[in-house]
Amino acid sequence: MTGAARVLRLAVEVDLREVHRNLGYGRSGQPREHIRRRIAELWPRAIELLDPRGAVRVVRGEMAARAGMPDPSERVGIGLCTIGAGLEQESQAASDRGELLDALLLDGFGSAAAEATADALEPHLCEHAADRGLCAARRISPGYGRWDVRGQRELLALLPADELGIHLTSGMMMVPRKSVSFAVRFGESPGPPGQWKRCAHCNLVRCRYRRDEDGRDEH
């Protein structure tokens, strides 16, 4: 994987709880009955509109540093993924028709689907690390924490953004909007226990650092 990027079609499962969270409900909160019913009615069409795909690559730490990544490791895994433009277009069409609830619900679904796509892509980098006796830390993205969003352009230049149908606006926003770029550090240490919540999203069961939901070693 080092050097060339791998473009992948991805299978994703969208979590209803994440849709609710993106609509402003807490993890324990529940929308009203008519909202839940409308989400269920829109769900098959929303799934049909997904086109989840992505690419991963392993680069030298100095390349990631030039993209603004803080404290890169010697080798860094980078990824870019999208759910495509179809769902976003459907949401906009609903808004144009004055169907504002549907537009909002589809947008919330799309945000959850984008994160699910990143969750499906990231294990390809985890496996690369595990094959080398390393671990991959929690993914980080431009625009969050200490990573300036202006690094987005340099990061995307390292990945086949055009092939994925992704481009940047002058404000560094990705189009389609439901796209995710990220990087993961590779290292010898599993790091702080908090990062292992991500194991719930990873199917790399042979990982020597895998933890259960309570943070205990599974092996």
N, C-alpha and C. Protein backbone atom coordinates (compact mmCIF):
# COMPACT_ATOMS: atom_id res chain seq x y z
N MET A 1 0.82 -1.20 0.00
CA MET A 1 0.00 0.00 0.00
C MET A 1 0.86 1.26 0.00
N THR A 2 2.08 1.16 0.54
CA THR A 2 2.94 2.33 0.58
C THR A 2 3.18 2.85 -0.82
N GLY A 3 3.02 4.15 -0.99
CA GLY A 3 3.23 4.76 -2.30
C GLY A 3 1.93 5.00 -3.02
N ALA A 4 1.42 3.98 -3.71
CA ALA A 4 0.21 4.14 -4.51
C ALA A 4 -1.05 4.08 -3.64
N ALA A 5 -2.07 4.78 -4.09
CA ALA A 5 -3.35 4.76 -3.38
C ALA A 5 -4.19 3.59 -3.86
N ARG A 6 -5.04 3.09 -3.00
CA ARG A 6 -5.99 2.04 -3.35
C ARG A 6 -7.39 2.62 -3.31
N VAL A 7 -8.10 2.53 -4.42
CA VAL A 7 -9.49 3.00 -4.47
C VAL A 7 -10.40 1.80 -4.20
N LEU A 8 -11.34 1.97 -3.30
CA LEU A 8 -12.15 0.86 -2.82
C LEU A 8 -13.64 1.21 -2.83
N ARG A 9 -14.45 0.24 -3.23
CA ARG A 9 -15.89 0.33 -3.00
C ARG A 9 -16.15 -0.20 -1.61
N LEU A 10 -17.04 0.43 -0.88
CA LEU A 10 -17.21 0.11 0.53
C LEU A 10 -18.64 -0.31 0.83
N ALA A 11 -18.79 -1.24 1.74
CA ALA A 11 -20.09 -1.64 2.24
C ALA A 11 -20.27 -0.96 3.60
N VAL A 12 -21.35 -0.23 3.77
CA VAL A 12 -21.56 0.50 5.01
C VAL A 12 -22.90 0.14 5.63
N GLU A 13 -22.94 0.27 6.94
CA GLU A 13 -24.18 0.11 7.69
C GLU A 13 -24.42 1.41 8.46
N VAL A 14 -25.51 2.06 8.18
CA VAL A 14 -25.81 3.34 8.82
C VAL A 14 -26.54 3.06 10.13
N ASP A 15 -26.05 3.66 11.21
CA ASP A 15 -26.60 3.46 12.55
C ASP A 15 -27.72 4.47 12.78
N LEU A 16 -28.90 3.98 13.08
CA LEU A 16 -30.04 4.86 13.32
C LEU A 16 -29.76 5.83 14.47
N ARG A 17 -29.03 5.37 15.48
CA ARG A 17 -28.71 6.24 16.61
C ARG A 17 -27.85 7.42 16.16
N GLU A 18 -26.96 7.18 15.19
CA GLU A 18 -26.14 8.27 14.68
C GLU A 18 -26.97 9.25 13.86
N VAL A 19 -27.96 8.75 13.15
CA VAL A 19 -28.87 9.64 12.44
C VAL A 19 -29.58 10.54 13.44
N HIS A 20 -30.10 9.95 14.51
CA HIS A 20 -30.77 10.73 15.55
C HIS A 20 -29.81 11.77 16.14
N ARG A 21 -28.58 11.37 16.40
CA ARG A 21 -27.61 12.30 16.99
C ARG A 21 -27.35 13.48 16.05
N ASN A 22 -27.23 13.20 14.76
CA ASN A 22 -26.99 14.26 13.79
C ASN A 22 -28.18 15.18 13.62
N LEU A 23 -29.35 14.71 14.05
CA LEU A 23 -30.54 15.55 14.03
C LEU A 23 -30.70 16.35 15.31
N GLY A 24 -29.74 16.19 16.25
CA GLY A 24 -29.76 16.98 17.46
C GLY A 24 -30.25 16.27 18.69
N TYR A 25 -30.54 14.96 18.58
CA TYR A 25 -30.98 14.19 19.73
C TYR A 25 -29.76 13.54 20.38
N GLY A 26 -29.74 13.50 21.70
CA GLY A 26 -28.66 12.81 22.39
C GLY A 26 -28.75 11.32 22.16
N ARG A 27 -27.72 10.62 22.59
CA ARG A 27 -27.71 9.17 22.38
C ARG A 27 -28.88 8.48 23.07
N SER A 28 -29.37 9.07 24.15
CA SER A 28 -30.50 8.47 24.85
C SER A 28 -31.82 9.12 24.45
N GLY A 29 -31.76 10.17 23.64
CA GLY A 29 -32.98 10.86 23.23
C GLY A 29 -33.65 10.19 22.05
N GLN A 30 -34.92 10.42 21.90
CA GLN A 30 -35.69 9.82 20.82
C GLN A 30 -36.54 10.89 20.15
N PRO A 31 -36.56 10.91 18.81
CA PRO A 31 -37.46 11.84 18.13
C PRO A 31 -38.93 11.48 18.41
N ARG A 32 -39.79 12.40 18.13
CA ARG A 32 -41.21 12.12 18.24
C ARG A 32 -41.63 11.07 17.22
N GLU A 33 -42.78 10.48 17.47
CA GLU A 33 -43.25 9.36 16.65
C GLU A 33 -43.32 9.72 15.17
N HIS A 34 -43.82 10.89 14.82
CA HIS A 34 -43.96 11.22 13.40
C HIS A 34 -42.60 11.40 12.73
N ILE A 35 -41.60 11.82 13.50
CA ILE A 35 -40.24 11.93 12.96
C ILE A 35 -39.66 10.54 12.72
N ARG A 36 -39.82 9.67 13.71
CA ARG A 36 -39.32 8.30 13.56
C ARG A 36 -39.98 7.61 12.38
N ARG A 37 -41.27 7.82 12.23
CA ARG A 37 -42.00 7.20 11.13
C ARG A 37 -41.50 7.72 9.77
N ARG A 38 -41.24 9.02 9.69
CA ARG A 38 -40.78 9.58 8.41
C ARG A 38 -39.36 9.12 8.08
N ILE A 39 -38.52 9.00 9.10
CA ILE A 39 -37.18 8.46 8.86
C ILE A 39 -37.28 7.06 8.28
N ALA A 40 -38.14 6.24 8.86
CA ALA A 40 -38.31 4.87 8.36
C ALA A 40 -38.81 4.85 6.92
N GLU A 41 -39.69 5.78 6.58
CA GLU A 41 -40.21 5.85 5.21
C GLU A 41 -39.13 6.28 4.22
N LEU A 42 -38.25 7.17 4.64
CA LEU A 42 -37.20 7.68 3.76
C LEU A 42 -36.00 6.74 3.66
N TRP A 43 -35.85 5.86 4.63
CA TRP A 43 -34.65 5.04 4.77
C TRP A 43 -34.31 4.24 3.50
N PRO A 44 -35.24 3.49 2.90
CA PRO A 44 -34.87 2.70 1.71
C PRO A 44 -34.35 3.56 0.57
N ARG A 45 -34.99 4.70 0.34
CA ARG A 45 -34.54 5.59 -0.73
C ARG A 45 -33.17 6.17 -0.41
N ALA A 46 -32.94 6.52 0.85
CA ALA A 46 -31.65 7.07 1.25
C ALA A 46 -30.53 6.05 1.04
N ILE A 47 -30.79 4.80 1.43
CA ILE A 47 -29.80 3.73 1.21
C ILE A 47 -29.51 3.56 -0.27
N GLU A 48 -30.54 3.61 -1.08
CA GLU A 48 -30.41 3.44 -2.53
C GLU A 48 -29.52 4.51 -3.14
N LEU A 49 -29.52 5.71 -2.57
CA LEU A 49 -28.76 6.83 -3.11
C LEU A 49 -27.29 6.84 -2.69
N LEU A 50 -26.93 5.97 -1.77
CA LEU A 50 -25.54 5.94 -1.31
C LEU A 50 -24.62 5.33 -2.37
N ASP A 51 -23.46 5.92 -2.52
CA ASP A 51 -22.41 5.37 -3.40
C ASP A 51 -21.09 5.45 -2.64
N PRO A 52 -20.94 4.64 -1.58
CA PRO A 52 -19.78 4.77 -0.70
C PRO A 52 -18.50 4.21 -1.32
N ARG A 53 -17.49 5.03 -1.38
CA ARG A 53 -16.22 4.63 -1.94
C ARG A 53 -15.12 5.48 -1.31
N GLY A 54 -13.90 4.98 -1.38
CA GLY A 54 -12.81 5.73 -0.76
C GLY A 54 -11.46 5.23 -1.24
N ALA A 55 -10.43 5.85 -0.73
CA ALA A 55 -9.06 5.48 -1.09
C ALA A 55 -8.17 5.65 0.13
N VAL A 56 -7.18 4.78 0.24
CA VAL A 56 -6.20 4.87 1.32
C VAL A 56 -4.80 4.82 0.74
N ARG A 57 -3.87 5.35 1.51
CA ARG A 57 -2.48 5.38 1.09
C ARG A 57 -1.62 5.53 2.34
N VAL A 58 -0.41 5.02 2.28
CA VAL A 58 0.56 5.21 3.36
C VAL A 58 1.66 6.12 2.83
N VAL A 59 1.95 7.17 3.58
CA VAL A 59 2.94 8.16 3.14
C VAL A 59 3.97 8.38 4.24
N ARG A 60 5.06 9.02 3.88
CA ARG A 60 6.07 9.40 4.86
C ARG A 60 5.54 10.52 5.75
N GLY A 61 6.03 10.54 6.97
CA GLY A 61 5.57 11.54 7.91
C GLY A 61 5.76 12.97 7.44
N GLU A 62 6.87 13.22 6.73
CA GLU A 62 7.10 14.59 6.27
C GLU A 62 6.08 15.04 5.23
N MET A 63 5.54 14.09 4.47
CA MET A 63 4.49 14.44 3.51
C MET A 63 3.22 14.85 4.24
N ALA A 64 2.88 14.11 5.30
CA ALA A 64 1.72 14.47 6.10
C ALA A 64 1.93 15.81 6.81
N ALA A 65 3.16 16.06 7.25
CA ALA A 65 3.47 17.32 7.93
C ALA A 65 3.28 18.50 6.98
N ARG A 66 3.61 18.32 5.72
CA ARG A 66 3.42 19.41 4.75
C ARG A 66 1.94 19.71 4.54
N ALA A 67 1.08 18.72 4.81
CA ALA A 67 -0.36 18.94 4.74
C ALA A 67 -0.90 19.51 6.05
N GLY A 68 0.00 19.78 6.99
CA GLY A 68 -0.40 20.40 8.24
C GLY A 68 -0.73 19.44 9.36
N MET A 69 -0.59 18.13 9.15
CA MET A 69 -0.91 17.18 10.21
C MET A 69 0.00 17.40 11.40
N PRO A 70 -0.54 17.58 12.60
CA PRO A 70 0.31 17.76 13.78
C PRO A 70 0.93 16.45 14.24
N ASP A 71 2.22 16.52 14.55
CA ASP A 71 2.94 15.38 15.15
C ASP A 71 2.78 14.07 14.38
N PRO A 72 3.08 14.06 13.09
CA PRO A 72 2.93 12.80 12.34
C PRO A 72 3.96 11.78 12.78
N SER A 73 3.62 10.51 12.63
CA SER A 73 4.57 9.43 12.88
C SER A 73 5.47 9.28 11.66
N GLU A 74 6.42 8.36 11.73
CA GLU A 74 7.34 8.16 10.61
C GLU A 74 6.59 7.76 9.35
N ARG A 75 5.61 6.91 9.50
CA ARG A 75 4.70 6.55 8.41
C ARG A 75 3.28 6.88 8.85
N VAL A 76 2.50 7.40 7.93
CA VAL A 76 1.15 7.84 8.25
C VAL A 76 0.17 7.24 7.24
N GLY A 77 -0.93 6.73 7.72
CA GLY A 77 -1.99 6.28 6.82
C GLY A 77 -2.95 7.42 6.57
N ILE A 78 -3.31 7.63 5.31
CA ILE A 78 -4.26 8.69 4.99
C ILE A 78 -5.42 8.09 4.20
N GLY A 79 -6.58 8.73 4.33
CA GLY A 79 -7.77 8.21 3.66
C GLY A 79 -8.69 9.33 3.22
N LEU A 80 -9.49 9.02 2.21
CA LEU A 80 -10.48 9.96 1.69
C LEU A 80 -11.67 9.14 1.23
N CYS A 81 -12.86 9.54 1.64
CA CYS A 81 -14.05 8.77 1.26
C CYS A 81 -15.24 9.69 1.08
N THR A 82 -16.26 9.16 0.42
CA THR A 82 -17.47 9.93 0.16
C THR A 82 -18.65 8.98 0.00
N ILE A 83 -19.84 9.50 0.22
CA ILE A 83 -21.05 8.72 -0.08
C ILE A 83 -21.59 9.11 -1.45
N GLY A 84 -20.90 10.00 -2.17
CA GLY A 84 -21.36 10.44 -3.47
C GLY A 84 -22.31 11.63 -3.35
N ALA A 85 -22.78 12.08 -4.48
CA ALA A 85 -23.60 13.30 -4.52
C ALA A 85 -25.09 13.04 -4.51
N GLY A 86 -25.52 11.80 -4.71
CA GLY A 86 -26.94 11.51 -4.90
C GLY A 86 -27.82 11.91 -3.74
N LEU A 87 -27.41 11.58 -2.52
CA LEU A 87 -28.24 11.88 -1.36
C LEU A 87 -28.31 13.39 -1.12
N GLU A 88 -27.19 14.06 -1.31
CA GLU A 88 -27.16 15.51 -1.15
C GLU A 88 -28.10 16.19 -2.16
N GLN A 89 -28.11 15.69 -3.38
CA GLN A 89 -28.99 16.25 -4.40
C GLN A 89 -30.46 16.01 -4.05
N GLU A 90 -30.75 14.83 -3.50
CA GLU A 90 -32.12 14.52 -3.09
C GLU A 90 -32.58 15.44 -1.96
N SER A 91 -31.68 15.70 -1.01
CA SER A 91 -32.00 16.61 0.08
C SER A 91 -32.26 18.02 -0.43
N GLN A 92 -31.43 18.47 -1.36
CA GLN A 92 -31.63 19.81 -1.92
C GLN A 92 -32.93 19.90 -2.70
N ALA A 93 -33.25 18.84 -3.43
CA ALA A 93 -34.50 18.83 -4.20
C ALA A 93 -35.70 18.91 -3.27
N ALA A 94 -35.63 18.18 -2.15
CA ALA A 94 -36.72 18.24 -1.17
C ALA A 94 -36.86 19.65 -0.61
N SER A 95 -35.74 20.30 -0.33
CA SER A 95 -35.78 21.67 0.16
C SER A 95 -36.39 22.61 -0.87
N ASP A 96 -36.01 22.43 -2.13
CA ASP A 96 -36.54 23.27 -3.20
C ASP A 96 -38.06 23.12 -3.34
N ARG A 97 -38.55 21.92 -3.02
CA ARG A 97 -40.00 21.68 -3.09
C ARG A 97 -40.73 22.17 -1.85
N GLY A 98 -39.98 22.67 -0.89
CA GLY A 98 -40.58 23.11 0.36
C GLY A 98 -40.76 22.00 1.37
N GLU A 99 -40.20 20.82 1.10
CA GLU A 99 -40.32 19.68 2.01
C GLU A 99 -39.14 19.73 2.98
N LEU A 100 -39.19 20.68 3.89
CA LEU A 100 -38.03 20.99 4.72
C LEU A 100 -37.72 19.88 5.72
N LEU A 101 -38.74 19.20 6.22
CA LEU A 101 -38.48 18.09 7.14
C LEU A 101 -37.71 16.99 6.44
N ASP A 102 -38.16 16.61 5.24
CA ASP A 102 -37.45 15.57 4.50
C ASP A 102 -36.01 15.99 4.21
N ALA A 103 -35.82 17.25 3.84
CA ALA A 103 -34.47 17.74 3.56
C ALA A 103 -33.58 17.60 4.78
N LEU A 104 -34.12 17.96 5.94
CA LEU A 104 -33.36 17.87 7.18
C LEU A 104 -33.03 16.42 7.53
N LEU A 105 -34.01 15.54 7.40
CA LEU A 105 -33.80 14.13 7.75
C LEU A 105 -32.80 13.48 6.82
N LEU A 106 -32.88 13.78 5.54
CA LEU A 106 -31.92 13.22 4.59
C LEU A 106 -30.51 13.72 4.86
N ASP A 107 -30.40 14.99 5.25
CA ASP A 107 -29.08 15.53 5.58
C ASP A 107 -28.50 14.84 6.80
N GLY A 108 -29.34 14.61 7.82
CA GLY A 108 -28.86 13.91 9.00
C GLY A 108 -28.45 12.48 8.69
N PHE A 109 -29.21 11.83 7.83
CA PHE A 109 -28.85 10.48 7.39
C PHE A 109 -27.51 10.52 6.66
N GLY A 110 -27.33 11.51 5.79
CA GLY A 110 -26.09 11.60 5.02
C GLY A 110 -24.87 11.79 5.89
N SER A 111 -24.99 12.59 6.95
CA SER A 111 -23.86 12.79 7.86
C SER A 111 -23.48 11.49 8.55
N ALA A 112 -24.50 10.74 8.98
CA ALA A 112 -24.23 9.44 9.61
C ALA A 112 -23.61 8.47 8.61
N ALA A 113 -24.09 8.51 7.37
CA ALA A 113 -23.56 7.61 6.34
C ALA A 113 -22.11 7.95 6.01
N ALA A 114 -21.76 9.24 6.02
CA ALA A 114 -20.38 9.64 5.73
C ALA A 114 -19.43 9.10 6.80
N GLU A 115 -19.83 9.19 8.07
CA GLU A 115 -19.00 8.65 9.13
C GLU A 115 -18.92 7.14 9.06
N ALA A 116 -20.02 6.49 8.69
CA ALA A 116 -20.00 5.03 8.54
C ALA A 116 -19.06 4.63 7.40
N THR A 117 -18.99 5.45 6.37
CA THR A 117 -18.08 5.18 5.25
C THR A 117 -16.63 5.30 5.71
N ALA A 118 -16.34 6.33 6.50
CA ALA A 118 -14.98 6.46 7.05
C ALA A 118 -14.66 5.28 7.97
N ASP A 119 -15.66 4.85 8.76
CA ASP A 119 -15.45 3.68 9.62
C ASP A 119 -15.16 2.43 8.81
N ALA A 120 -15.75 2.32 7.62
CA ALA A 120 -15.52 1.15 6.77
C ALA A 120 -14.17 1.22 6.07
N LEU A 121 -13.67 2.43 5.84
CA LEU A 121 -12.39 2.60 5.14
C LEU A 121 -11.20 2.45 6.07
N GLU A 122 -11.33 2.96 7.28
CA GLU A 122 -10.20 3.01 8.20
C GLU A 122 -9.58 1.65 8.50
N PRO A 123 -10.35 0.56 8.63
CA PRO A 123 -9.72 -0.73 8.92
C PRO A 123 -8.69 -1.19 7.90
N HIS A 124 -8.77 -0.70 6.67
CA HIS A 124 -7.74 -1.05 5.68
C HIS A 124 -6.38 -0.52 6.11
N LEU A 125 -6.36 0.62 6.79
CA LEU A 125 -5.12 1.15 7.32
C LEU A 125 -4.72 0.43 8.61
N CYS A 126 -5.71 0.06 9.43
CA CYS A 126 -5.43 -0.70 10.65
C CYS A 126 -4.78 -2.03 10.30
N GLU A 127 -5.27 -2.67 9.26
CA GLU A 127 -4.71 -3.96 8.85
C GLU A 127 -3.28 -3.81 8.35
N HIS A 128 -3.03 -2.73 7.58
CA HIS A 128 -1.67 -2.47 7.11
C HIS A 128 -0.73 -2.33 8.30
N ALA A 129 -1.16 -1.60 9.33
CA ALA A 129 -0.34 -1.42 10.51
C ALA A 129 -0.13 -2.74 11.25
N ALA A 130 -1.21 -3.51 11.43
CA ALA A 130 -1.12 -4.77 12.17
C ALA A 130 -0.19 -5.76 11.49
N ASP A 131 -0.17 -5.76 10.16
CA ASP A 131 0.72 -6.65 9.41
C ASP A 131 2.19 -6.36 9.70
N ARG A 132 2.46 -5.16 10.20
CA ARG A 132 3.83 -4.73 10.48
C ARG A 132 4.09 -4.63 11.97
N GLY A 133 3.20 -5.20 12.78
CA GLY A 133 3.38 -5.20 14.22
C GLY A 133 3.14 -3.85 14.86
N LEU A 134 2.39 -3.00 14.18
CA LEU A 134 2.13 -1.66 14.68
C LEU A 134 0.64 -1.51 14.97
N CYS A 135 0.27 -0.36 15.50
CA CYS A 135 -1.14 -0.05 15.68
C CYS A 135 -1.43 1.29 15.04
N ALA A 136 -2.67 1.49 14.68
CA ALA A 136 -3.11 2.75 14.08
C ALA A 136 -3.93 3.51 15.12
N ALA A 137 -3.56 4.77 15.36
CA ALA A 137 -4.27 5.58 16.33
C ALA A 137 -5.61 6.04 15.78
N ARG A 138 -6.38 6.74 16.60
CA ARG A 138 -7.66 7.29 16.19
C ARG A 138 -7.46 8.24 15.02
N ARG A 139 -8.35 8.21 14.06
CA ARG A 139 -8.18 9.09 12.89
C ARG A 139 -8.43 10.55 13.28
N ILE A 140 -7.72 11.43 12.59
CA ILE A 140 -7.90 12.87 12.77
C ILE A 140 -8.05 13.49 11.39
N SER A 141 -8.70 14.67 11.34
CA SER A 141 -9.03 15.31 10.06
C SER A 141 -8.66 16.78 10.07
N PRO A 142 -8.34 17.34 8.91
CA PRO A 142 -8.13 18.78 8.83
C PRO A 142 -9.37 19.54 9.31
N GLY A 143 -9.12 20.63 10.03
CA GLY A 143 -10.23 21.42 10.55
C GLY A 143 -10.62 21.07 11.96
N TYR A 144 -10.02 20.03 12.52
CA TYR A 144 -10.33 19.62 13.89
C TYR A 144 -9.06 19.68 14.72
N GLY A 145 -9.20 20.11 15.98
CA GLY A 145 -8.06 20.18 16.86
C GLY A 145 -7.00 21.14 16.33
N ARG A 146 -5.76 20.67 16.33
CA ARG A 146 -4.64 21.52 15.91
C ARG A 146 -4.36 21.46 14.41
N TRP A 147 -5.17 20.69 13.67
CA TRP A 147 -4.92 20.56 12.22
C TRP A 147 -5.71 21.63 11.48
N ASP A 148 -5.01 22.61 10.97
CA ASP A 148 -5.66 23.71 10.27
C ASP A 148 -6.35 23.20 9.02
N VAL A 149 -7.56 23.69 8.78
CA VAL A 149 -8.34 23.24 7.62
C VAL A 149 -7.64 23.56 6.31
N ARG A 150 -6.71 24.52 6.32
CA ARG A 150 -5.99 24.85 5.09
C ARG A 150 -5.09 23.71 4.61
N GLY A 151 -4.85 22.73 5.49
CA GLY A 151 -4.09 21.56 5.07
C GLY A 151 -4.88 20.61 4.19
N GLN A 152 -6.18 20.88 4.06
CA GLN A 152 -7.04 20.00 3.28
C GLN A 152 -6.55 19.84 1.83
N ARG A 153 -6.13 20.95 1.22
CA ARG A 153 -5.72 20.88 -0.18
C ARG A 153 -4.51 19.99 -0.38
N GLU A 154 -3.51 20.13 0.50
CA GLU A 154 -2.31 19.30 0.40
C GLU A 154 -2.64 17.83 0.66
N LEU A 155 -3.54 17.58 1.61
CA LEU A 155 -3.90 16.19 1.91
C LEU A 155 -4.60 15.55 0.72
N LEU A 156 -5.55 16.24 0.14
CA LEU A 156 -6.28 15.67 -1.00
C LEU A 156 -5.36 15.49 -2.21
N ALA A 157 -4.31 16.30 -2.31
CA ALA A 157 -3.37 16.15 -3.43
C ALA A 157 -2.61 14.83 -3.35
N LEU A 158 -2.59 14.22 -2.16
CA LEU A 158 -1.90 12.94 -1.99
C LEU A 158 -2.80 11.74 -2.31
N LEU A 159 -4.07 12.03 -2.61
CA LEU A 159 -5.06 10.97 -2.80
C LEU A 159 -5.82 11.20 -4.11
N PRO A 160 -6.44 10.16 -4.68
CA PRO A 160 -7.12 10.29 -5.97
C PRO A 160 -8.49 10.95 -5.85
N ALA A 161 -8.49 12.22 -5.42
CA ALA A 161 -9.74 12.93 -5.21
C ALA A 161 -10.58 13.01 -6.48
N ASP A 162 -9.93 13.26 -7.61
CA ASP A 162 -10.67 13.38 -8.87
C ASP A 162 -11.39 12.07 -9.21
N GLU A 163 -10.69 10.97 -9.01
CA GLU A 163 -11.29 9.66 -9.30
C GLU A 163 -12.49 9.39 -8.40
N LEU A 164 -12.45 9.92 -7.19
CA LEU A 164 -13.56 9.76 -6.25
C LEU A 164 -14.65 10.80 -6.47
N GLY A 165 -14.41 11.75 -7.37
CA GLY A 165 -15.40 12.78 -7.65
C GLY A 165 -15.47 13.86 -6.58
N ILE A 166 -14.35 14.10 -5.89
CA ILE A 166 -14.32 15.07 -4.80
C ILE A 166 -13.47 16.27 -5.21
N HIS A 167 -13.95 17.47 -4.93
CA HIS A 167 -13.14 18.66 -5.13
C HIS A 167 -13.37 19.62 -3.97
N LEU A 168 -12.51 20.63 -3.87
CA LEU A 168 -12.56 21.58 -2.78
C LEU A 168 -13.08 22.93 -3.25
N THR A 169 -13.84 23.58 -2.38
CA THR A 169 -14.23 24.96 -2.64
C THR A 169 -13.09 25.87 -2.18
N SER A 170 -13.21 27.16 -2.45
CA SER A 170 -12.19 28.11 -2.01
C SER A 170 -12.10 28.16 -0.49
N GLY A 171 -13.17 27.78 0.18
CA GLY A 171 -13.18 27.76 1.64
C GLY A 171 -12.76 26.42 2.22
N MET A 172 -12.19 25.54 1.40
CA MET A 172 -11.69 24.23 1.81
C MET A 172 -12.79 23.26 2.21
N MET A 173 -14.01 23.50 1.73
CA MET A 173 -15.08 22.54 1.96
C MET A 173 -15.09 21.51 0.84
N MET A 174 -15.23 20.24 1.21
CA MET A 174 -15.27 19.20 0.19
C MET A 174 -16.65 19.14 -0.46
N VAL A 175 -16.65 18.87 -1.75
CA VAL A 175 -17.87 18.64 -2.53
C VAL A 175 -17.68 17.31 -3.25
N PRO A 176 -18.59 16.33 -3.04
CA PRO A 176 -19.80 16.36 -2.21
C PRO A 176 -19.49 16.63 -0.74
N ARG A 177 -20.45 17.27 -0.05
CA ARG A 177 -20.22 17.65 1.34
C ARG A 177 -20.10 16.44 2.25
N LYS A 178 -20.77 15.36 1.92
CA LYS A 178 -20.73 14.18 2.78
C LYS A 178 -19.51 13.33 2.41
N SER A 179 -18.36 13.93 2.62
CA SER A 179 -17.07 13.29 2.36
C SER A 179 -16.20 13.49 3.59
N VAL A 180 -15.24 12.60 3.77
CA VAL A 180 -14.36 12.65 4.95
C VAL A 180 -12.93 12.42 4.50
N SER A 181 -12.03 13.27 4.95
CA SER A 181 -10.60 13.04 4.78
C SER A 181 -9.99 12.86 6.16
N PHE A 182 -8.94 12.04 6.25
CA PHE A 182 -8.37 11.79 7.58
C PHE A 182 -6.98 11.20 7.46
N ALA A 183 -6.31 11.15 8.59
CA ALA A 183 -5.00 10.52 8.69
C ALA A 183 -4.92 9.77 10.00
N VAL A 184 -4.10 8.72 10.04
CA VAL A 184 -3.87 7.97 11.27
C VAL A 184 -2.37 7.80 11.45
N ARG A 185 -1.94 7.98 12.68
CA ARG A 185 -0.53 7.74 13.01
C ARG A 185 -0.32 6.24 13.24
N PHE A 186 0.83 5.73 12.82
CA PHE A 186 1.21 4.36 13.11
C PHE A 186 2.26 4.40 14.23
N GLY A 187 2.10 3.53 15.22
CA GLY A 187 3.05 3.52 16.32
C GLY A 187 3.13 2.18 17.01
N GLU A 188 4.10 2.06 17.92
CA GLU A 188 4.32 0.83 18.66
C GLU A 188 3.35 0.69 19.83
N SER A 189 2.93 1.81 20.41
CA SER A 189 2.12 1.78 21.62
C SER A 189 0.64 1.88 21.30
N PRO A 190 -0.20 1.17 22.03
CA PRO A 190 -1.64 1.31 21.81
C PRO A 190 -2.19 2.64 22.26
N GLY A 191 -1.43 3.43 23.03
CA GLY A 191 -1.88 4.76 23.42
C GLY A 191 -2.90 4.71 24.54
N PRO A 192 -3.54 5.84 24.81
CA PRO A 192 -4.48 5.91 25.94
C PRO A 192 -5.71 5.06 25.71
N PRO A 193 -6.29 4.51 26.78
CA PRO A 193 -7.46 3.63 26.64
C PRO A 193 -8.61 4.26 25.89
N GLY A 194 -8.78 5.58 25.98
CA GLY A 194 -9.93 6.21 25.34
C GLY A 194 -10.00 6.00 23.85
N GLN A 195 -8.84 5.81 23.21
CA GLN A 195 -8.88 5.69 21.76
C GLN A 195 -9.47 4.36 21.32
N TRP A 196 -9.59 3.40 22.23
CA TRP A 196 -9.99 2.06 21.80
C TRP A 196 -11.48 1.89 21.70
N LYS A 197 -12.24 2.94 21.93
CA LYS A 197 -13.66 2.88 21.62
C LYS A 197 -13.86 2.61 20.14
N ARG A 198 -12.88 3.01 19.34
CA ARG A 198 -12.95 2.80 17.91
C ARG A 198 -12.98 1.33 17.53
N CYS A 199 -12.55 0.44 18.46
CA CYS A 199 -12.52 -0.99 18.15
C CYS A 199 -13.92 -1.53 17.85
N ALA A 200 -14.94 -0.87 18.37
CA ALA A 200 -16.31 -1.32 18.12
C ALA A 200 -16.65 -1.20 16.64
N HIS A 201 -15.92 -0.36 15.91
CA HIS A 201 -16.20 -0.14 14.49
C HIS A 201 -15.26 -0.94 13.58
N CYS A 202 -14.33 -1.67 14.19
CA CYS A 202 -13.27 -2.32 13.40
C CYS A 202 -13.48 -3.83 13.38
N ASN A 203 -13.35 -4.42 12.18
CA ASN A 203 -13.52 -5.87 12.07
C ASN A 203 -12.19 -6.61 12.05
N LEU A 204 -11.11 -5.94 12.44
CA LEU A 204 -9.80 -6.58 12.45
C LEU A 204 -9.64 -7.32 13.79
N VAL A 205 -10.26 -8.50 13.86
CA VAL A 205 -10.33 -9.20 15.15
C VAL A 205 -8.97 -9.74 15.57
N ARG A 206 -8.02 -9.86 14.65
CA ARG A 206 -6.72 -10.39 15.03
C ARG A 206 -5.77 -9.32 15.56
N CYS A 207 -6.24 -8.08 15.65
CA CYS A 207 -5.40 -6.99 16.14
C CYS A 207 -5.00 -7.25 17.58
N ARG A 208 -3.71 -7.16 17.90
CA ARG A 208 -3.24 -7.47 19.25
C ARG A 208 -3.62 -6.39 20.26
N TYR A 209 -4.09 -5.25 19.78
CA TYR A 209 -4.47 -4.17 20.67
C TYR A 209 -5.98 -4.04 20.82
N ARG A 210 -6.73 -4.99 20.29
CA ARG A 210 -8.19 -4.88 20.31
C ARG A 210 -8.70 -4.88 21.75
N ARG A 211 -9.69 -4.00 22.03
CA ARG A 211 -10.29 -3.91 23.36
C ARG A 211 -11.79 -4.13 23.25
N ASP A 212 -12.38 -4.58 24.36
CA ASP A 212 -13.84 -4.69 24.38
C ASP A 212 -14.43 -3.32 24.72
N GLU A 213 -15.76 -3.26 24.84
CA GLU A 213 -16.42 -1.97 25.05
C GLU A 213 -16.07 -1.35 26.39
N ASP A 214 -15.60 -2.16 27.36
CA ASP A 214 -15.24 -1.63 28.67
C ASP A 214 -13.76 -1.24 28.73
N GLY A 215 -13.06 -1.35 27.59
CA GLY A 215 -11.66 -0.96 27.55
C GLY A 215 -10.69 -2.05 27.95
N ARG A 216 -11.18 -3.29 28.15
CA ARG A 216 -10.31 -4.40 28.54
C ARG A 216 -9.76 -5.07 27.29
N ASP A 217 -8.56 -5.64 27.44
CA ASP A 217 -7.98 -6.42 26.35
C ASP A 217 -8.86 -7.61 26.04
N GLU A 218 -9.06 -7.87 24.73
CA GLU A 218 -9.84 -9.04 24.34
C GLU A 218 -8.96 -10.27 24.19
N HIS A 219 -7.64 -10.05 24.07
CA HIS A 219 -6.74 -11.19 23.84
C HIS A 219 -5.87 -11.43 25.05
